[in-house]
């Protein structure tokens, strides 16, 4: 790895993994990079977001909760019908 080389890293401004240019090194270790999409310069994160990755089940529950409007992700209860007397 040398100055100016391309490396993929997580950009906190773009909120995704993008192409970066190496701008600072200490010995053989990359210290700082610059995003080639938004030109934001930041320390090299080794392409880690700092957020826990969701499992398939957690991702499904999150989507289900957003669709049904409930936090638990459980199915909504049917409305009770009033009987006419």
PDB file of N, CA and C in Angstrom:
ATOM      1  N   UNK A   1       0.847  -1.177   0.000  1.00  0.00           N
ATOM      2  CA  UNK A   1       0.000   0.000   0.000  1.00  0.00           C
ATOM      3  C   UNK A   1       0.894   1.242   0.000  1.00  0.00           C
ATOM      4  N   UNK A   2       0.553   2.213  -0.879  1.00  0.00           N
ATOM      5  CA  UNK A   2       1.323   3.450  -0.969  1.00  0.00           C
ATOM      6  C   UNK A   2       0.371   4.640  -0.977  1.00  0.00           C
ATOM      7  N   UNK A   3       0.908   5.834  -0.780  1.00  0.00           N
ATOM      8  CA  UNK A   3       0.088   7.047  -0.840  1.00  0.00           C
ATOM      9  C   UNK A   3      -0.572   7.153  -2.205  1.00  0.00           C
ATOM     10  N   UNK A   4      -1.847   7.487  -2.222  1.00  0.00           N
ATOM     11  CA  UNK A   4      -2.581   7.624  -3.467  1.00  0.00           C
ATOM     12  C   UNK A   4      -3.263   6.359  -3.940  1.00  0.00           C
ATOM     13  N   UNK A   5      -2.914   5.215  -3.347  1.00  0.00           N
ATOM     14  CA  UNK A   5      -3.548   3.950  -3.738  1.00  0.00           C
ATOM     15  C   UNK A   5      -5.030   3.958  -3.371  1.00  0.00           C
ATOM     16  N   UNK A   6      -5.790   3.153  -4.070  1.00  0.00           N
ATOM     17  CA  UNK A   6      -7.222   3.026  -3.805  1.00  0.00           C
ATOM     18  C   UNK A   6      -7.481   1.926  -2.788  1.00  0.00           C
ATOM     19  N   UNK A   7      -8.431   2.194  -1.899  1.00  0.00           N
ATOM     20  CA  UNK A   7      -8.830   1.213  -0.898  1.00  0.00           C
ATOM     21  C   UNK A   7     -10.312   1.432  -0.590  1.00  0.00           C
ATOM     22  N   UNK A   8     -11.038   0.345  -0.373  1.00  0.00           N
ATOM     23  CA  UNK A   8     -12.436   0.471   0.035  1.00  0.00           C
ATOM     24  C   UNK A   8     -12.491   0.691   1.534  1.00  0.00           C
ATOM     25  N   UNK A   9     -13.332   1.638   1.957  1.00  0.00           N
ATOM     26  CA  UNK A   9     -13.502   1.919   3.374  1.00  0.00           C
ATOM     27  C   UNK A   9     -14.894   2.482   3.593  1.00  0.00           C
ATOM     28  N   UNK A  10     -15.358   2.452   4.838  1.00  0.00           N
ATOM     29  CA  UNK A  10     -16.668   2.989   5.180  1.00  0.00           C
ATOM     30  C   UNK A  10     -16.551   4.500   5.350  1.00  0.00           C
ATOM     31  N   UNK A  11     -17.381   5.251   4.617  1.00  0.00           N
ATOM     32  CA  UNK A  11     -17.399   6.707   4.724  1.00  0.00           C
ATOM     33  C   UNK A  11     -18.571   7.103   5.607  1.00  0.00           C
ATOM     34  N   UNK A  12     -18.287   7.785   6.710  1.00  0.00           N
ATOM     35  CA  UNK A  12     -19.358   8.168   7.633  1.00  0.00           C
ATOM     36  C   UNK A  12     -20.214   9.300   7.069  1.00  0.00           C
ATOM     37  N   UNK A  13     -19.719  10.041   6.113  1.00  0.00           N
ATOM     38  CA  UNK A  13     -20.529  11.085   5.486  1.00  0.00           C
ATOM     39  C   UNK A  13     -21.472  10.488   4.437  1.00  0.00           C
ATOM     40  N   UNK A  14     -20.964   9.564   3.621  1.00  0.00           N
ATOM     41  CA  UNK A  14     -21.794   8.899   2.603  1.00  0.00           C
ATOM     42  C   UNK A  14     -22.663   7.799   3.210  1.00  0.00           C
ATOM     43  N   UNK A  15     -22.291   7.303   4.391  1.00  0.00           N
ATOM     44  CA  UNK A  15     -22.997   6.221   5.093  1.00  0.00           C
ATOM     45  C   UNK A  15     -22.965   4.908   4.317  1.00  0.00           C
ATOM     46  N   UNK A  16     -21.843   4.653   3.630  1.00  0.00           N
ATOM     47  CA  UNK A  16     -21.686   3.398   2.900  1.00  0.00           C
ATOM     48  C   UNK A  16     -20.217   3.175   2.575  1.00  0.00           C
ATOM     49  N   UNK A  17     -19.905   1.994   2.096  1.00  0.00           N
ATOM     50  CA  UNK A  17     -18.543   1.676   1.690  1.00  0.00           C
ATOM     51  C   UNK A  17     -18.298   2.259   0.305  1.00  0.00           C
ATOM     52  N   UNK A  18     -17.249   3.053   0.190  1.00  0.00           N
ATOM     53  CA  UNK A  18     -16.916   3.677  -1.086  1.00  0.00           C
ATOM     54  C   UNK A  18     -15.413   3.552  -1.354  1.00  0.00           C
ATOM     55  N   UNK A  19     -15.010   3.979  -2.530  1.00  0.00           N
ATOM     56  CA  UNK A  19     -13.606   3.984  -2.921  1.00  0.00           C
ATOM     57  C   UNK A  19     -12.918   5.168  -2.247  1.00  0.00           C
ATOM     58  N   UNK A  20     -11.748   4.930  -1.663  1.00  0.00           N
ATOM     59  CA  UNK A  20     -10.988   5.969  -0.976  1.00  0.00           C
ATOM     60  C   UNK A  20      -9.556   6.001  -1.499  1.00  0.00           C
ATOM     61  N   UNK A  21      -8.904   7.138  -1.329  1.00  0.00           N
ATOM     62  CA  UNK A  21      -7.491   7.287  -1.659  1.00  0.00           C
ATOM     63  C   UNK A  21      -6.703   7.396  -0.357  1.00  0.00           C
ATOM     64  N   UNK A  22      -5.575   6.715  -0.277  1.00  0.00           N
ATOM     65  CA  UNK A  22      -4.721   6.770   0.907  1.00  0.00           C
ATOM     66  C   UNK A  22      -4.019   8.122   0.919  1.00  0.00           C
ATOM     67  N   UNK A  23      -4.122   8.870   2.034  1.00  0.00           N
ATOM     68  CA  UNK A  23      -3.484  10.184   2.131  1.00  0.00           C
ATOM     69  C   UNK A  23      -2.440  10.261   3.236  1.00  0.00           C
ATOM     70  N   UNK A  24      -2.434   9.290   4.174  1.00  0.00           N
ATOM     71  CA  UNK A  24      -1.465   9.325   5.264  1.00  0.00           C
ATOM     72  C   UNK A  24      -1.143   7.901   5.693  1.00  0.00           C
ATOM     73  N   UNK A  25       0.159   7.661   5.944  1.00  0.00           N
ATOM     74  CA  UNK A  25       0.595   6.336   6.385  1.00  0.00           C
ATOM     75  C   UNK A  25       1.625   6.479   7.489  1.00  0.00           C
ATOM     76  N   UNK A  26       1.685   5.464   8.358  1.00  0.00           N
ATOM     77  CA  UNK A  26       2.735   5.353   9.373  1.00  0.00           C
ATOM     78  C   UNK A  26       3.360   3.977   9.173  1.00  0.00           C
ATOM     79  N   UNK A  27       4.600   3.974   8.741  1.00  0.00           N
ATOM     80  CA  UNK A  27       5.286   2.742   8.345  1.00  0.00           C
ATOM     81  C   UNK A  27       4.493   2.091   7.212  1.00  0.00           C
ATOM     82  N   UNK A  28       3.982   0.884   7.398  1.00  0.00           N
ATOM     83  CA  UNK A  28       3.200   0.220   6.350  1.00  0.00           C
ATOM     84  C   UNK A  28       1.705   0.260   6.628  1.00  0.00           C
ATOM     85  N   UNK A  29       1.288   0.994   7.645  1.00  0.00           N
ATOM     86  CA  UNK A  29      -0.117   1.047   8.032  1.00  0.00           C
ATOM     87  C   UNK A  29      -0.789   2.314   7.514  1.00  0.00           C
ATOM     88  N   UNK A  30      -1.964   2.145   6.918  1.00  0.00           N
ATOM     89  CA  UNK A  30      -2.751   3.284   6.434  1.00  0.00           C
ATOM     90  C   UNK A  30      -3.351   4.000   7.640  1.00  0.00           C
ATOM     91  N   UNK A  31      -3.199   5.320   7.707  1.00  0.00           N
ATOM     92  CA  UNK A  31      -3.731   6.102   8.825  1.00  0.00           C
ATOM     93  C   UNK A  31      -4.955   6.912   8.419  1.00  0.00           C
ATOM     94  N   UNK A  32      -4.865   7.639   7.294  1.00  0.00           N
ATOM     95  CA  UNK A  32      -5.975   8.471   6.834  1.00  0.00           C
ATOM     96  C   UNK A  32      -6.273   8.197   5.368  1.00  0.00           C
ATOM     97  N   UNK A  33      -7.557   8.343   5.035  1.00  0.00           N
ATOM     98  CA  UNK A  33      -8.007   8.163   3.665  1.00  0.00           C
ATOM     99  C   UNK A  33      -8.955   9.297   3.296  1.00  0.00           C
ATOM    100  N   UNK A  34      -9.133   9.516   1.985  1.00  0.00           N
ATOM    101  CA  UNK A  34     -10.069  10.527   1.484  1.00  0.00           C
ATOM    102  C   UNK A  34     -11.058   9.840   0.561  1.00  0.00           C
ATOM    103  N   UNK A  35     -12.356  10.053   0.859  1.00  0.00           N
ATOM    104  CA  UNK A  35     -13.423   9.466   0.054  1.00  0.00           C
ATOM    105  C   UNK A  35     -13.387  10.091  -1.333  1.00  0.00           C
ATOM    106  N   UNK A  36     -13.423   9.252  -2.358  1.00  0.00           N
ATOM    107  CA  UNK A  36     -13.393   9.773  -3.726  1.00  0.00           C
ATOM    108  C   UNK A  36     -14.773  10.203  -4.203  1.00  0.00           C
ATOM    109  N   UNK A  37     -15.812   9.934  -3.400  1.00  0.00           N
ATOM    110  CA  UNK A  37     -17.165  10.361  -3.754  1.00  0.00           C
ATOM    111  C   UNK A  37     -17.461  11.752  -3.210  1.00  0.00           C
ATOM    112  N   UNK A  38     -17.185  11.968  -1.907  1.00  0.00           N
ATOM    113  CA  UNK A  38     -17.543  13.252  -1.275  1.00  0.00           C
ATOM    114  C   UNK A  38     -16.326  14.058  -0.811  1.00  0.00           C
ATOM    115  N   UNK A  39     -15.119  13.535  -0.991  1.00  0.00           N
ATOM    116  CA  UNK A  39     -13.850  14.180  -0.620  1.00  0.00           C
ATOM    117  C   UNK A  39     -13.673  14.367   0.886  1.00  0.00           C
ATOM    118  N   UNK A  40     -14.404  13.603   1.693  1.00  0.00           N
ATOM    119  CA  UNK A  40     -14.268  13.674   3.148  1.00  0.00           C
ATOM    120  C   UNK A  40     -13.032  12.885   3.571  1.00  0.00           C
ATOM    121  N   UNK A  41     -12.164  13.521   4.362  1.00  0.00           N
ATOM    122  CA  UNK A  41     -10.945  12.884   4.828  1.00  0.00           C
ATOM    123  C   UNK A  41     -11.146  12.413   6.267  1.00  0.00           C
ATOM    124  N   UNK A  42     -10.820  11.151   6.525  1.00  0.00           N
ATOM    125  CA  UNK A  42     -11.019  10.592   7.856  1.00  0.00           C
ATOM    126  C   UNK A  42     -10.017   9.482   8.102  1.00  0.00           C
ATOM    127  N   UNK A  43      -9.939   9.029   9.368  1.00  0.00           N
ATOM    128  CA  UNK A  43      -9.013   7.931   9.667  1.00  0.00           C
ATOM    129  C   UNK A  43      -9.510   6.653   9.009  1.00  0.00           C
ATOM    130  N   UNK A  44      -8.577   5.793   8.711  1.00  0.00           N
ATOM    131  CA  UNK A  44      -8.899   4.529   8.046  1.00  0.00           C
ATOM    132  C   UNK A  44      -9.622   3.630   9.027  1.00  0.00           C
ATOM    133  N   UNK A  45     -10.799   3.156   8.652  1.00  0.00           N
ATOM    134  CA  UNK A  45     -11.655   2.365   9.543  1.00  0.00           C
ATOM    135  C   UNK A  45     -11.613   0.873   9.239  1.00  0.00           C
ATOM    136  N   UNK A  46     -10.795   0.447   8.324  1.00  0.00           N
ATOM    137  CA  UNK A  46     -10.713  -0.966   7.928  1.00  0.00           C
ATOM    138  C   UNK A  46     -12.072  -1.488   7.485  1.00  0.00           C
ATOM    139  N   UNK A  47     -12.863  -0.603   6.878  1.00  0.00           N
ATOM    140  CA  UNK A  47     -14.182  -0.915   6.322  1.00  0.00           C
ATOM    141  C   UNK A  47     -15.166  -1.422   7.375  1.00  0.00           C
ATOM    142  N   UNK A  48     -15.054  -0.902   8.604  1.00  0.00           N
ATOM    143  CA  UNK A  48     -15.987  -1.258   9.666  1.00  0.00           C
ATOM    144  C   UNK A  48     -16.868  -0.061   9.959  1.00  0.00           C
ATOM    145  N   UNK A  49     -18.160  -0.321  10.160  1.00  0.00           N
ATOM    146  CA  UNK A  49     -19.117   0.760  10.355  1.00  0.00           C
ATOM    147  C   UNK A  49     -19.272   1.177  11.804  1.00  0.00           C
ATOM    148  N   UNK A  50     -18.899   0.333  12.731  1.00  0.00           N
ATOM    149  CA  UNK A  50     -19.118   0.624  14.126  1.00  0.00           C
ATOM    150  C   UNK A  50     -20.496   0.173  14.589  1.00  0.00           C
ATOM    151  N   UNK A  51     -21.323  -0.278  13.656  1.00  0.00           N
ATOM    152  CA  UNK A  51     -22.652  -0.777  13.987  1.00  0.00           C
ATOM    153  C   UNK A  51     -22.650  -2.290  13.902  1.00  0.00           C
ATOM    154  N   UNK A  52     -23.468  -2.900  14.740  1.00  0.00           N
ATOM    155  CA  UNK A  52     -23.600  -4.350  14.723  1.00  0.00           C
ATOM    156  C   UNK A  52     -24.385  -4.764  13.482  1.00  0.00           C
ATOM    157  N   UNK A  53     -23.900  -5.776  12.798  1.00  0.00           N
ATOM    158  CA  UNK A  53     -24.616  -6.297  11.640  1.00  0.00           C
ATOM    159  C   UNK A  53     -25.859  -7.046  12.101  1.00  0.00           C
ATOM    160  N   UNK A  54     -26.957  -6.873  11.391  1.00  0.00           N
ATOM    161  CA  UNK A  54     -28.193  -7.559  11.725  1.00  0.00           C
ATOM    162  C   UNK A  54     -28.185  -8.983  11.170  1.00  0.00           C
ATOM    163  N   UNK A  55     -28.783  -9.897  11.945  1.00  0.00           N
ATOM    164  CA  UNK A  55     -28.984 -11.240  11.423  1.00  0.00           C
ATOM    165  C   UNK A  55     -30.184 -11.196  10.488  1.00  0.00           C
ATOM    166  N   UNK A  56     -30.396 -12.267   9.752  1.00  0.00           N
ATOM    167  CA  UNK A  56     -31.542 -12.307   8.839  1.00  0.00           C
ATOM    168  C   UNK A  56     -32.847 -12.155   9.603  1.00  0.00           C
ATOM    169  N   UNK A  57     -32.949 -12.810  10.756  1.00  0.00           N
ATOM    170  CA  UNK A  57     -34.171 -12.744  11.565  1.00  0.00           C
ATOM    171  C   UNK A  57     -34.406 -11.321  12.086  1.00  0.00           C
ATOM    172  N   UNK A  58     -33.340 -10.664  12.569  1.00  0.00           N
ATOM    173  CA  UNK A  58     -33.472  -9.291  13.067  1.00  0.00           C
ATOM    174  C   UNK A  58     -33.881  -8.338  11.949  1.00  0.00           C
ATOM    175  N   UNK A  59     -33.294  -8.517  10.771  1.00  0.00           N
ATOM    176  CA  UNK A  59     -33.646  -7.669   9.628  1.00  0.00           C
ATOM    177  C   UNK A  59     -35.102  -7.873   9.234  1.00  0.00           C
ATOM    178  N   UNK A  60     -35.563  -9.132   9.233  1.00  0.00           N
ATOM    179  CA  UNK A  60     -36.954  -9.426   8.903  1.00  0.00           C
ATOM    180  C   UNK A  60     -37.891  -8.782   9.912  1.00  0.00           C
ATOM    181  N   UNK A  61     -37.585  -8.904  11.197  1.00  0.00           N
ATOM    182  CA  UNK A  61     -38.430  -8.323  12.239  1.00  0.00           C
ATOM    183  C   UNK A  61     -38.473  -6.798  12.135  1.00  0.00           C
ATOM    184  N   UNK A  62     -37.354  -6.191  11.771  1.00  0.00           N
ATOM    185  CA  UNK A  62     -37.310  -4.732  11.624  1.00  0.00           C
ATOM    186  C   UNK A  62     -38.196  -4.273  10.469  1.00  0.00           C
ATOM    187  N   UNK A  63     -38.130  -4.962   9.352  1.00  0.00           N
ATOM    188  CA  UNK A  63     -38.970  -4.627   8.196  1.00  0.00           C
ATOM    189  C   UNK A  63     -40.433  -4.868   8.517  1.00  0.00           C
ATOM    190  N   UNK A  64     -40.728  -5.995   9.154  1.00  0.00           N
ATOM    191  CA  UNK A  64     -42.105  -6.313   9.522  1.00  0.00           C
ATOM    192  C   UNK A  64     -42.673  -5.260  10.464  1.00  0.00           C
ATOM    193  N   UNK A  65     -41.875  -4.816  11.425  1.00  0.00           N
ATOM    194  CA  UNK A  65     -42.330  -3.799  12.364  1.00  0.00           C
ATOM    195  C   UNK A  65     -42.603  -2.472  11.648  1.00  0.00           C
ATOM    196  N   UNK A  66     -41.796  -2.130  10.668  1.00  0.00           N
ATOM    197  CA  UNK A  66     -42.018  -0.873   9.952  1.00  0.00           C
ATOM    198  C   UNK A  66     -43.273  -0.940   9.082  1.00  0.00           C
ATOM    199  N   UNK A  67     -43.600  -2.129   8.584  1.00  0.00           N
ATOM    200  CA  UNK A  67     -44.790  -2.294   7.748  1.00  0.00           C
ATOM    201  C   UNK A  67     -46.059  -2.301   8.592  1.00  0.00           C
ATOM    202  N   UNK A  68     -46.023  -3.012   9.718  1.00  0.00           N
ATOM    203  CA  UNK A  68     -47.215  -3.124  10.557  1.00  0.00           C
ATOM    204  C   UNK A  68     -47.352  -1.956  11.525  1.00  0.00           C
ATOM    205  N   UNK A  69     -46.282  -1.166  11.703  1.00  0.00           N
ATOM    206  CA  UNK A  69     -46.339  -0.015  12.600  1.00  0.00           C
ATOM    207  C   UNK A  69     -46.205  -0.386  14.056  1.00  0.00           C
ATOM    208  N   UNK A  70     -45.706  -1.575  14.343  1.00  0.00           N
ATOM    209  CA  UNK A  70     -45.528  -2.019  15.717  1.00  0.00           C
ATOM    210  C   UNK A  70     -44.055  -2.243  15.983  1.00  0.00           C
ATOM    211  N   UNK A  71     -43.663  -2.055  17.241  1.00  0.00           N
ATOM    212  CA  UNK A  71     -42.264  -2.231  17.600  1.00  0.00           C
ATOM    213  C   UNK A  71     -41.884  -3.692  17.766  1.00  0.00           C
ATOM    214  N   UNK A  72     -42.769  -4.514  18.283  1.00  0.00           N
ATOM    215  CA  UNK A  72     -42.439  -5.905  18.542  1.00  0.00           C
ATOM    216  C   UNK A  72     -42.368  -6.750  17.296  1.00  0.00           C
ATOM    217  N   UNK A  73     -42.969  -6.303  16.235  1.00  0.00           N
ATOM    218  CA  UNK A  73     -42.950  -7.073  15.002  1.00  0.00           C
ATOM    219  C   UNK A  73     -43.978  -8.185  14.996  1.00  0.00           C
ATOM    220  N   UNK A  74     -44.811  -8.267  16.051  1.00  0.00           N
ATOM    221  CA  UNK A  74     -45.826  -9.323  16.073  1.00  0.00           C
ATOM    222  C   UNK A  74     -47.012  -8.897  15.226  1.00  0.00           C
ATOM    223  N   UNK A  75     -47.803  -9.865  14.846  1.00  0.00           N
ATOM    224  CA  UNK A  75     -48.965  -9.592  14.003  1.00  0.00           C
ATOM    225  C   UNK A  75     -49.996  -8.789  14.789  1.00  0.00           C
ATOM    226  N   UNK A  76     -50.656  -7.834  14.158  1.00  0.00           N
ATOM    227  CA  UNK A  76     -51.646  -7.028  14.864  1.00  0.00           C
ATOM    228  C   UNK A  76     -52.873  -7.863  15.202  1.00  0.00           C
ATOM    229  N   UNK A  77     -53.480  -7.512  16.329  1.00  0.00           N
ATOM    230  CA  UNK A  77     -54.684  -8.232  16.742  1.00  0.00           C
ATOM    231  C   UNK A  77     -55.864  -7.745  15.913  1.00  0.00           C
ATOM    232  N   UNK A  78     -56.779  -8.652  15.548  1.00  0.00           N
ATOM    233  CA  UNK A  78     -57.945  -8.222  14.776  1.00  0.00           C
ATOM    234  C   UNK A  78     -58.855  -7.348  15.641  1.00  0.00           C
ATOM    235  N   UNK A  79     -59.489  -6.380  14.991  1.00  0.00           N
ATOM    236  CA  UNK A  79     -60.381  -5.469  15.715  1.00  0.00           C
ATOM    237  C   UNK A  79     -61.606  -6.234  16.183  1.00  0.00           C
ATOM    238  N   UNK A  80     -62.108  -5.906  17.389  1.00  0.00           N
ATOM    239  CA  UNK A  80     -63.304  -6.556  17.918  1.00  0.00           C
ATOM    240  C   UNK A  80     -64.537  -5.917  17.278  1.00  0.00           C
ATOM    241  N   UNK A  81     -65.431  -6.752  16.824  1.00  0.00           N
ATOM    242  CA  UNK A  81     -66.656  -6.263  16.189  1.00  0.00           C
ATOM    243  C   UNK A  81     -67.728  -6.092  17.255  1.00  0.00           C
ATOM    244  N   UNK A  82     -68.438  -5.000  17.146  1.00  0.00           N
ATOM    245  CA  UNK A  82     -69.550  -4.765  18.063  1.00  0.00           C
ATOM    246  C   UNK A  82     -70.781  -5.450  17.512  1.00  0.00           C
ATOM    247  N   UNK A  83     -71.510  -6.126  18.386  1.00  0.00           N
ATOM    248  CA  UNK A  83     -72.725  -6.811  17.958  1.00  0.00           C
ATOM    249  C   UNK A  83     -73.906  -5.864  18.062  1.00  0.00           C
ATOM    250  N   UNK A  84     -74.712  -5.867  17.054  1.00  0.00           N
ATOM    251  CA  UNK A  84     -75.934  -5.051  17.058  1.00  0.00           C
ATOM    252  C   UNK A  84     -77.031  -5.821  17.800  1.00  0.00           C
ATOM    253  N   UNK A  85     -77.751  -5.159  18.687  1.00  0.00           N
ATOM    254  CA  UNK A  85     -78.811  -5.826  19.448  1.00  0.00           C
ATOM    255  C   UNK A  85     -80.168  -5.486  18.939  1.00  0.00           C
TER     256      UNK A  85
END
